[in-house]
Amino acid sequence: MSWAILRFTPERSRWVVAERWHPYQKTEIHPDGSFELKVPYADDRELIMDILKYGGDCQVLEPKELRKRVAEEFRRGLAHYR
């Protein structure tokens, strides 16, 4: 099992803070209002879909492989609008 660290913008934090992504999740609200979520996962497919629904309001901090996969999905989606 891996752990993902996600950071949400202050604008999205008020919604995300109320969500329960996993029973063992860890959370932190930063002084700027952003929200950091640390969540375990085994299969990244569902997690990537959850991340993508927040668009630019969610940033994958760790792990690097998940960050790369999410970036690839954003690029692939953007290609539909060019």
PDB file of N, CA and C in Angstrom:
ATOM      1  N   MET A   1       0.847  -1.178   0.000  1.00  0.00           N
ATOM      2  CA  MET A   1       0.000   0.000   0.000  1.00  0.00           C
ATOM      3  C   MET A   1       0.888   1.235   0.000  1.00  0.00           C
ATOM      4  N   SER A   2       0.483   2.212  -0.784  1.00  0.00           N
ATOM      5  CA  SER A   2       1.211   3.486  -0.864  1.00  0.00           C
ATOM      6  C   SER A   2       0.383   4.587  -0.208  1.00  0.00           C
ATOM      7  N   TRP A   3       1.039   5.695   0.048  1.00  0.00           N
ATOM      8  CA  TRP A   3       0.354   6.869   0.595  1.00  0.00           C
ATOM      9  C   TRP A   3       0.459   8.013  -0.402  1.00  0.00           C
ATOM     10  N   ALA A   4      -0.657   8.680  -0.628  1.00  0.00           N
ATOM     11  CA  ALA A   4      -0.682   9.872  -1.470  1.00  0.00           C
ATOM     12  C   ALA A   4      -0.801  11.089  -0.576  1.00  0.00           C
ATOM     13  N   ILE A   5      -0.083  12.142  -0.938  1.00  0.00           N
ATOM     14  CA  ILE A   5      -0.229  13.421  -0.243  1.00  0.00           C
ATOM     15  C   ILE A   5      -0.771  14.404  -1.268  1.00  0.00           C
ATOM     16  N   LEU A   6      -1.957  14.936  -0.975  1.00  0.00           N
ATOM     17  CA  LEU A   6      -2.654  15.847  -1.877  1.00  0.00           C
ATOM     18  C   LEU A   6      -2.834  17.189  -1.187  1.00  0.00           C
ATOM     19  N   ARG A   7      -2.681  18.263  -1.944  1.00  0.00           N
ATOM     20  CA  ARG A   7      -2.934  19.597  -1.393  1.00  0.00           C
ATOM     21  C   ARG A   7      -4.027  20.261  -2.219  1.00  0.00           C
ATOM     22  N   PHE A   8      -5.030  20.782  -1.519  1.00  0.00           N
ATOM     23  CA  PHE A   8      -6.159  21.455  -2.140  1.00  0.00           C
ATOM     24  C   PHE A   8      -6.087  22.950  -1.857  1.00  0.00           C
ATOM     25  N   THR A   9      -6.506  23.728  -2.830  1.00  0.00           N
ATOM     26  CA  THR A   9      -6.499  25.184  -2.685  1.00  0.00           C
ATOM     27  C   THR A   9      -7.455  25.606  -1.572  1.00  0.00           C
ATOM     28  N   PRO A  10      -7.246  26.795  -1.030  1.00  0.00           N
ATOM     29  CA  PRO A  10      -8.176  27.295  -0.012  1.00  0.00           C
ATOM     30  C   PRO A  10      -9.622  27.342  -0.519  1.00  0.00           C
ATOM     31  N   GLU A  11      -9.806  27.617  -1.802  1.00  0.00           N
ATOM     32  CA  GLU A  11     -11.156  27.696  -2.373  1.00  0.00           C
ATOM     33  C   GLU A  11     -11.879  26.353  -2.330  1.00  0.00           C
ATOM     34  N   ARG A  12     -11.167  25.249  -2.474  1.00  0.00           N
ATOM     35  CA  ARG A  12     -11.771  23.911  -2.454  1.00  0.00           C
ATOM     36  C   ARG A  12     -11.720  23.267  -1.072  1.00  0.00           C
ATOM     37  N   SER A  13     -10.882  23.768  -0.218  1.00  0.00           N
ATOM     38  CA  SER A  13     -10.666  23.131   1.086  1.00  0.00           C
ATOM     39  C   SER A  13     -11.951  22.960   1.883  1.00  0.00           C
ATOM     40  N   ARG A  14     -12.824  23.932   1.830  1.00  0.00           N
ATOM     41  CA  ARG A  14     -14.024  23.841   2.668  1.00  0.00           C
ATOM     42  C   ARG A  14     -14.922  22.672   2.281  1.00  0.00           C
ATOM     43  N   TRP A  15     -14.849  22.228   1.023  1.00  0.00           N
ATOM     44  CA  TRP A  15     -15.624  21.059   0.613  1.00  0.00           C
ATOM     45  C   TRP A  15     -14.869  19.769   0.912  1.00  0.00           C
ATOM     46  N   VAL A  16     -13.602  19.760   0.612  1.00  0.00           N
ATOM     47  CA  VAL A  16     -12.811  18.540   0.757  1.00  0.00           C
ATOM     48  C   VAL A  16     -12.637  18.159   2.217  1.00  0.00           C
ATOM     49  N   VAL A  17     -12.524  19.138   3.083  1.00  0.00           N
ATOM     50  CA  VAL A  17     -12.297  18.849   4.499  1.00  0.00           C
ATOM     51  C   VAL A  17     -13.444  18.015   5.081  1.00  0.00           C
ATOM     52  N   ALA A  18     -14.627  18.110   4.524  1.00  0.00           N
ATOM     53  CA  ALA A  18     -15.781  17.357   5.027  1.00  0.00           C
ATOM     54  C   ALA A  18     -15.862  15.946   4.445  1.00  0.00           C
ATOM     55  N   GLU A  19     -15.072  15.651   3.430  1.00  0.00           N
ATOM     56  CA  GLU A  19     -15.111  14.334   2.791  1.00  0.00           C
ATOM     57  C   GLU A  19     -14.252  13.324   3.551  1.00  0.00           C
ATOM     58  N   ARG A  20     -14.702  12.098   3.521  1.00  0.00           N
ATOM     59  CA  ARG A  20     -13.913  11.009   4.105  1.00  0.00           C
ATOM     60  C   ARG A  20     -13.449  10.133   2.952  1.00  0.00           C
ATOM     61  N   TRP A  21     -12.180  10.194   2.655  1.00  0.00           N
ATOM     62  CA  TRP A  21     -11.603   9.444   1.546  1.00  0.00           C
ATOM     63  C   TRP A  21     -11.206   8.040   1.979  1.00  0.00           C
ATOM     64  N   HIS A  22     -10.775   7.901   3.231  1.00  0.00           N
ATOM     65  CA  HIS A  22     -10.299   6.611   3.729  1.00  0.00           C
ATOM     66  C   HIS A  22     -10.325   6.645   5.259  1.00  0.00           C
ATOM     67  N   PRO A  23     -10.609   5.504   5.917  1.00  0.00           N
ATOM     68  CA  PRO A  23     -10.645   5.494   7.383  1.00  0.00           C
ATOM     69  C   PRO A  23      -9.329   5.893   8.048  1.00  0.00           C
ATOM     70  N   TYR A  24      -8.192   5.693   7.368  1.00  0.00           N
ATOM     71  CA  TYR A  24      -6.892   5.998   7.961  1.00  0.00           C
ATOM     72  C   TYR A  24      -6.278   7.293   7.438  1.00  0.00           C
ATOM     73  N   GLN A  25      -7.085   8.124   6.801  1.00  0.00           N
ATOM     74  CA  GLN A  25      -6.561   9.372   6.249  1.00  0.00           C
ATOM     75  C   GLN A  25      -6.036  10.286   7.345  1.00  0.00           C
ATOM     76  N   LYS A  26      -5.100  11.132   6.963  1.00  0.00           N
ATOM     77  CA  LYS A  26      -4.543  12.152   7.868  1.00  0.00           C
ATOM     78  C   LYS A  26      -4.733  13.488   7.178  1.00  0.00           C
ATOM     79  N   THR A  27      -5.093  14.492   7.940  1.00  0.00           N
ATOM     80  CA  THR A  27      -5.392  15.793   7.351  1.00  0.00           C
ATOM     81  C   THR A  27      -4.691  16.920   8.098  1.00  0.00           C
ATOM     82  N   GLU A  28      -4.504  18.016   7.382  1.00  0.00           N
ATOM     83  CA  GLU A  28      -3.904  19.216   7.974  1.00  0.00           C
ATOM     84  C   GLU A  28      -4.401  20.438   7.209  1.00  0.00           C
ATOM     85  N   ILE A  29      -4.848  21.436   7.937  1.00  0.00           N
ATOM     86  CA  ILE A  29      -5.225  22.709   7.327  1.00  0.00           C
ATOM     87  C   ILE A  29      -4.065  23.665   7.543  1.00  0.00           C
ATOM     88  N   HIS A  30      -3.593  24.273   6.474  1.00  0.00           N
ATOM     89  CA  HIS A  30      -2.449  25.178   6.539  1.00  0.00           C
ATOM     90  C   HIS A  30      -2.916  26.610   6.820  1.00  0.00           C
ATOM     91  N   PRO A  31      -2.025  27.452   7.327  1.00  0.00           N
ATOM     92  CA  PRO A  31      -2.394  28.836   7.651  1.00  0.00           C
ATOM     93  C   PRO A  31      -2.984  29.615   6.466  1.00  0.00           C
ATOM     94  N   ASP A  32      -2.594  29.267   5.240  1.00  0.00           N
ATOM     95  CA  ASP A  32      -3.131  29.972   4.068  1.00  0.00           C
ATOM     96  C   ASP A  32      -4.522  29.470   3.669  1.00  0.00           C
ATOM     97  N   GLY A  33      -5.045  28.475   4.412  1.00  0.00           N
ATOM     98  CA  GLY A  33      -6.367  27.938   4.118  1.00  0.00           C
ATOM     99  C   GLY A  33      -6.339  26.705   3.233  1.00  0.00           C
ATOM    100  N   SER A  34      -5.182  26.361   2.699  1.00  0.00           N
ATOM    101  CA  SER A  34      -5.106  25.148   1.891  1.00  0.00           C
ATOM    102  C   SER A  34      -5.230  23.928   2.802  1.00  0.00           C
ATOM    103  N   PHE A  35      -5.585  22.830   2.206  1.00  0.00           N
ATOM    104  CA  PHE A  35      -5.869  21.602   2.948  1.00  0.00           C
ATOM    105  C   PHE A  35      -4.990  20.483   2.415  1.00  0.00           C
ATOM    106  N   GLU A  36      -4.318  19.779   3.306  1.00  0.00           N
ATOM    107  CA  GLU A  36      -3.462  18.677   2.893  1.00  0.00           C
ATOM    108  C   GLU A  36      -4.070  17.368   3.382  1.00  0.00           C
ATOM    109  N   LEU A  37      -4.152  16.427   2.469  1.00  0.00           N
ATOM    110  CA  LEU A  37      -4.744  15.134   2.756  1.00  0.00           C
ATOM    111  C   LEU A  37      -3.715  14.053   2.464  1.00  0.00           C
ATOM    112  N   LYS A  38      -3.477  13.197   3.434  1.00  0.00           N
ATOM    113  CA  LYS A  38      -2.596  12.048   3.246  1.00  0.00           C
ATOM    114  C   LYS A  38      -3.490  10.816   3.335  1.00  0.00           C
ATOM    115  N   VAL A  39      -3.496  10.053   2.241  1.00  0.00           N
ATOM    116  CA  VAL A  39      -4.437   8.948   2.155  1.00  0.00           C
ATOM    117  C   VAL A  39      -3.745   7.706   1.578  1.00  0.00           C
ATOM    118  N   PRO A  40      -4.001   6.528   2.180  1.00  0.00           N
ATOM    119  CA  PRO A  40      -3.413   5.307   1.640  1.00  0.00           C
ATOM    120  C   PRO A  40      -4.213   4.822   0.436  1.00  0.00           C
ATOM    121  N   TYR A  41      -3.534   4.127  -0.472  1.00  0.00           N
ATOM    122  CA  TYR A  41      -4.221   3.539  -1.621  1.00  0.00           C
ATOM    123  C   TYR A  41      -3.427   2.340  -2.113  1.00  0.00           C
ATOM    124  N   ALA A  42      -4.146   1.410  -2.716  1.00  0.00           N
ATOM    125  CA  ALA A  42      -3.497   0.239  -3.290  1.00  0.00           C
ATOM    126  C   ALA A  42      -3.524   0.301  -4.815  1.00  0.00           C
ATOM    127  N   ASP A  43      -4.628   0.765  -5.365  1.00  0.00           N
ATOM    128  CA  ASP A  43      -4.807   0.860  -6.812  1.00  0.00           C
ATOM    129  C   ASP A  43      -5.076   2.328  -7.126  1.00  0.00           C
ATOM    130  N   ASP A  44      -4.256   2.935  -7.956  1.00  0.00           N
ATOM    131  CA  ASP A  44      -4.378   4.377  -8.172  1.00  0.00           C
ATOM    132  C   ASP A  44      -5.498   4.787  -9.127  1.00  0.00           C
ATOM    133  N   ARG A  45      -6.179   3.863  -9.792  1.00  0.00           N
ATOM    134  CA  ARG A  45      -7.196   4.234 -10.779  1.00  0.00           C
ATOM    135  C   ARG A  45      -8.343   5.039 -10.178  1.00  0.00           C
ATOM    136  N   GLU A  46      -8.910   4.585  -9.096  1.00  0.00           N
ATOM    137  CA  GLU A  46     -10.010   5.320  -8.468  1.00  0.00           C
ATOM    138  C   GLU A  46      -9.508   6.633  -7.869  1.00  0.00           C
ATOM    139  N   LEU A  47      -8.351   6.597  -7.256  1.00  0.00           N
ATOM    140  CA  LEU A  47      -7.780   7.809  -6.660  1.00  0.00           C
ATOM    141  C   LEU A  47      -7.546   8.873  -7.727  1.00  0.00           C
ATOM    142  N   ILE A  48      -7.046   8.477  -8.884  1.00  0.00           N
ATOM    143  CA  ILE A  48      -6.806   9.437  -9.965  1.00  0.00           C
ATOM    144  C   ILE A  48      -8.111  10.080 -10.407  1.00  0.00           C
ATOM    145  N   MET A  49      -9.183   9.308 -10.515  1.00  0.00           N
ATOM    146  CA  MET A  49     -10.481   9.892 -10.883  1.00  0.00           C
ATOM    147  C   MET A  49     -10.929  10.916  -9.844  1.00  0.00           C
ATOM    148  N   ASP A  50     -10.727  10.608  -8.563  1.00  0.00           N
ATOM    149  CA  ASP A  50     -11.102  11.550  -7.503  1.00  0.00           C
ATOM    150  C   ASP A  50     -10.269  12.827  -7.574  1.00  0.00           C
ATOM    151  N   ILE A  51      -8.998  12.688  -7.862  1.00  0.00           N
ATOM    152  CA  ILE A  51      -8.111  13.854  -7.971  1.00  0.00           C
ATOM    153  C   ILE A  51      -8.519  14.720  -9.160  1.00  0.00           C
ATOM    154  N   LEU A  52      -8.782  14.094 -10.295  1.00  0.00           N
ATOM    155  CA  LEU A  52      -9.101  14.840 -11.512  1.00  0.00           C
ATOM    156  C   LEU A  52     -10.380  15.660 -11.376  1.00  0.00           C
ATOM    157  N   LYS A  53     -11.326  15.210 -10.579  1.00  0.00           N
ATOM    158  CA  LYS A  53     -12.579  15.959 -10.454  1.00  0.00           C
ATOM    159  C   LYS A  53     -12.362  17.337  -9.811  1.00  0.00           C
ATOM    160  N   TYR A  54     -11.229  17.528  -9.154  1.00  0.00           N
ATOM    161  CA  TYR A  54     -10.931  18.836  -8.556  1.00  0.00           C
ATOM    162  C   TYR A  54     -10.089  19.720  -9.471  1.00  0.00           C
ATOM    163  N   GLY A  55      -9.721  19.208 -10.638  1.00  0.00           N
ATOM    164  CA  GLY A  55      -8.979  20.004 -11.614  1.00  0.00           C
ATOM    165  C   GLY A  55      -7.741  20.634 -11.001  1.00  0.00           C
ATOM    166  N   GLY A  56      -7.554  21.902 -11.296  1.00  0.00           N
ATOM    167  CA  GLY A  56      -6.390  22.634 -10.821  1.00  0.00           C
ATOM    168  C   GLY A  56      -6.415  22.982  -9.347  1.00  0.00           C
ATOM    169  N   ASP A  57      -7.474  22.596  -8.650  1.00  0.00           N
ATOM    170  CA  ASP A  57      -7.560  22.883  -7.217  1.00  0.00           C
ATOM    171  C   ASP A  57      -6.951  21.788  -6.355  1.00  0.00           C
ATOM    172  N   CYS A  58      -6.410  20.748  -6.998  1.00  0.00           N
ATOM    173  CA  CYS A  58      -5.755  19.663  -6.265  1.00  0.00           C
ATOM    174  C   CYS A  58      -4.385  19.426  -6.867  1.00  0.00           C
ATOM    175  N   GLN A  59      -3.398  19.350  -6.018  1.00  0.00           N
ATOM    176  CA  GLN A  59      -2.025  19.083  -6.441  1.00  0.00           C
ATOM    177  C   GLN A  59      -1.537  17.828  -5.739  1.00  0.00           C
ATOM    178  N   VAL A  60      -1.000  16.896  -6.508  1.00  0.00           N
ATOM    179  CA  VAL A  60      -0.403  15.693  -5.934  1.00  0.00           C
ATOM    180  C   VAL A  60       1.030  16.050  -5.527  1.00  0.00           C
ATOM    181  N   LEU A  61       1.321  15.953  -4.243  1.00  0.00           N
ATOM    182  CA  LEU A  61       2.670  16.228  -3.747  1.00  0.00           C
ATOM    183  C   LEU A  61       3.529  14.968  -3.759  1.00  0.00           C
ATOM    184  N   GLU A  62       2.953  13.852  -3.396  1.00  0.00           N
ATOM    185  CA  GLU A  62       3.657  12.568  -3.337  1.00  0.00           C
ATOM    186  C   GLU A  62       2.657  11.452  -3.572  1.00  0.00           C
ATOM    187  N   PRO A  63       3.078  10.328  -4.047  1.00  0.00           N
ATOM    188  CA  PRO A  63       4.395   9.983  -4.566  1.00  0.00           C
ATOM    189  C   PRO A  63       4.586  10.517  -5.983  1.00  0.00           C
ATOM    190  N   LYS A  64       5.815  10.552  -6.411  1.00  0.00           N
ATOM    191  CA  LYS A  64       6.131  11.118  -7.723  1.00  0.00           C
ATOM    192  C   LYS A  64       5.464  10.353  -8.858  1.00  0.00           C
ATOM    193  N   GLU A  65       5.349   9.049  -8.734  1.00  0.00           N
ATOM    194  CA  GLU A  65       4.714   8.253  -9.785  1.00  0.00           C
ATOM    195  C   GLU A  65       3.241   8.610  -9.946  1.00  0.00           C
ATOM    196  N   LEU A  66       2.543   8.826  -8.836  1.00  0.00           N
ATOM    197  CA  LEU A  66       1.137   9.241  -8.905  1.00  0.00           C
ATOM    198  C   LEU A  66       1.043  10.636  -9.511  1.00  0.00           C
ATOM    199  N   ARG A  67       1.927  11.512  -9.109  1.00  0.00           N
ATOM    200  CA  ARG A  67       1.956  12.876  -9.658  1.00  0.00           C
ATOM    201  C   ARG A  67       2.118  12.818 -11.175  1.00  0.00           C
ATOM    202  N   LYS A  68       3.016  11.948 -11.644  1.00  0.00           N
ATOM    203  CA  LYS A  68       3.253  11.793 -13.073  1.00  0.00           C
ATOM    204  C   LYS A  68       2.013  11.251 -13.781  1.00  0.00           C
ATOM    205  N   ARG A  69       1.347  10.262 -13.210  1.00  0.00           N
ATOM    206  CA  ARG A  69       0.146   9.682 -13.826  1.00  0.00           C
ATOM    207  C   ARG A  69      -0.979  10.700 -13.924  1.00  0.00           C
ATOM    208  N   VAL A  70      -1.160  11.522 -12.885  1.00  0.00           N
ATOM    209  CA  VAL A  70      -2.204  12.550 -12.911  1.00  0.00           C
ATOM    210  C   VAL A  70      -1.872  13.592 -13.975  1.00  0.00           C
ATOM    211  N   ALA A  71      -0.628  14.005 -14.062  1.00  0.00           N
ATOM    212  CA  ALA A  71      -0.216  14.976 -15.085  1.00  0.00           C
ATOM    213  C   ALA A  71      -0.478  14.424 -16.486  1.00  0.00           C
ATOM    214  N   GLU A  72      -0.202  13.142 -16.690  1.00  0.00           N
ATOM    215  CA  GLU A  72      -0.457  12.518 -17.991  1.00  0.00           C
ATOM    216  C   GLU A  72      -1.947  12.531 -18.327  1.00  0.00           C
ATOM    217  N   GLU A  73      -2.789  12.277 -17.343  1.00  0.00           N
ATOM    218  CA  GLU A  73      -4.236  12.303 -17.570  1.00  0.00           C
ATOM    219  C   GLU A  73      -4.724  13.709 -17.914  1.00  0.00           C
ATOM    220  N   PHE A  74      -4.179  14.718 -17.232  1.00  0.00           N
ATOM    221  CA  PHE A  74      -4.549  16.099 -17.561  1.00  0.00           C
ATOM    222  C   PHE A  74      -4.137  16.440 -18.992  1.00  0.00           C
ATOM    223  N   ARG A  75      -2.938  16.044 -19.389  1.00  0.00           N
ATOM    224  CA  ARG A  75      -2.481  16.308 -20.760  1.00  0.00           C
ATOM    225  C   ARG A  75      -3.359  15.599 -21.778  1.00  0.00           C
ATOM    226  N   ARG A  76      -3.708  14.348 -21.492  1.00  0.00           N
ATOM    227  CA  ARG A  76      -4.550  13.571 -22.393  1.00  0.00           C
ATOM    228  C   ARG A  76      -5.933  14.220 -22.542  1.00  0.00           C
ATOM    229  N   GLY A  77      -6.485  14.686 -21.439  1.00  0.00           N
ATOM    230  CA  GLY A  77      -7.782  15.370 -21.482  1.00  0.00           C
ATOM    231  C   GLY A  77      -7.715  16.678 -22.225  1.00  0.00           C
ATOM    232  N   LEU A  78      -6.659  17.423 -21.997  1.00  0.00           N
ATOM    233  CA  LEU A  78      -6.499  18.717 -22.663  1.00  0.00           C
ATOM    234  C   LEU A  78      -6.435  18.552 -24.181  1.00  0.00           C
ATOM    235  N   ALA A  79      -5.898  17.448 -24.639  1.00  0.00           N
ATOM    236  CA  ALA A  79      -5.791  17.206 -26.085  1.00  0.00           C
ATOM    237  C   ALA A  79      -7.161  17.195 -26.756  1.00  0.00           C
ATOM    238  N   HIS A  80      -8.211  16.895 -26.024  1.00  0.00           N
ATOM    239  CA  HIS A  80      -9.563  16.901 -26.592  1.00  0.00           C
ATOM    240  C   HIS A  80     -10.066  18.312 -26.880  1.00  0.00           C
ATOM    241  N   TYR A  81      -9.425  19.330 -26.335  1.00  0.00           N
ATOM    242  CA  TYR A  81      -9.885  20.709 -26.457  1.00  0.00           C
ATOM    243  C   TYR A  81      -8.969  21.573 -27.290  1.00  0.00           C
ATOM    244  N   ARG A  82      -8.073  20.988 -27.997  1.00  0.00           N
ATOM    245  CA  ARG A  82      -7.153  21.760 -28.848  1.00  0.00           C
ATOM    246  C   ARG A  82      -7.611  21.739 -30.262  1.00  0.00           C
TER     247      ARG A  82
END
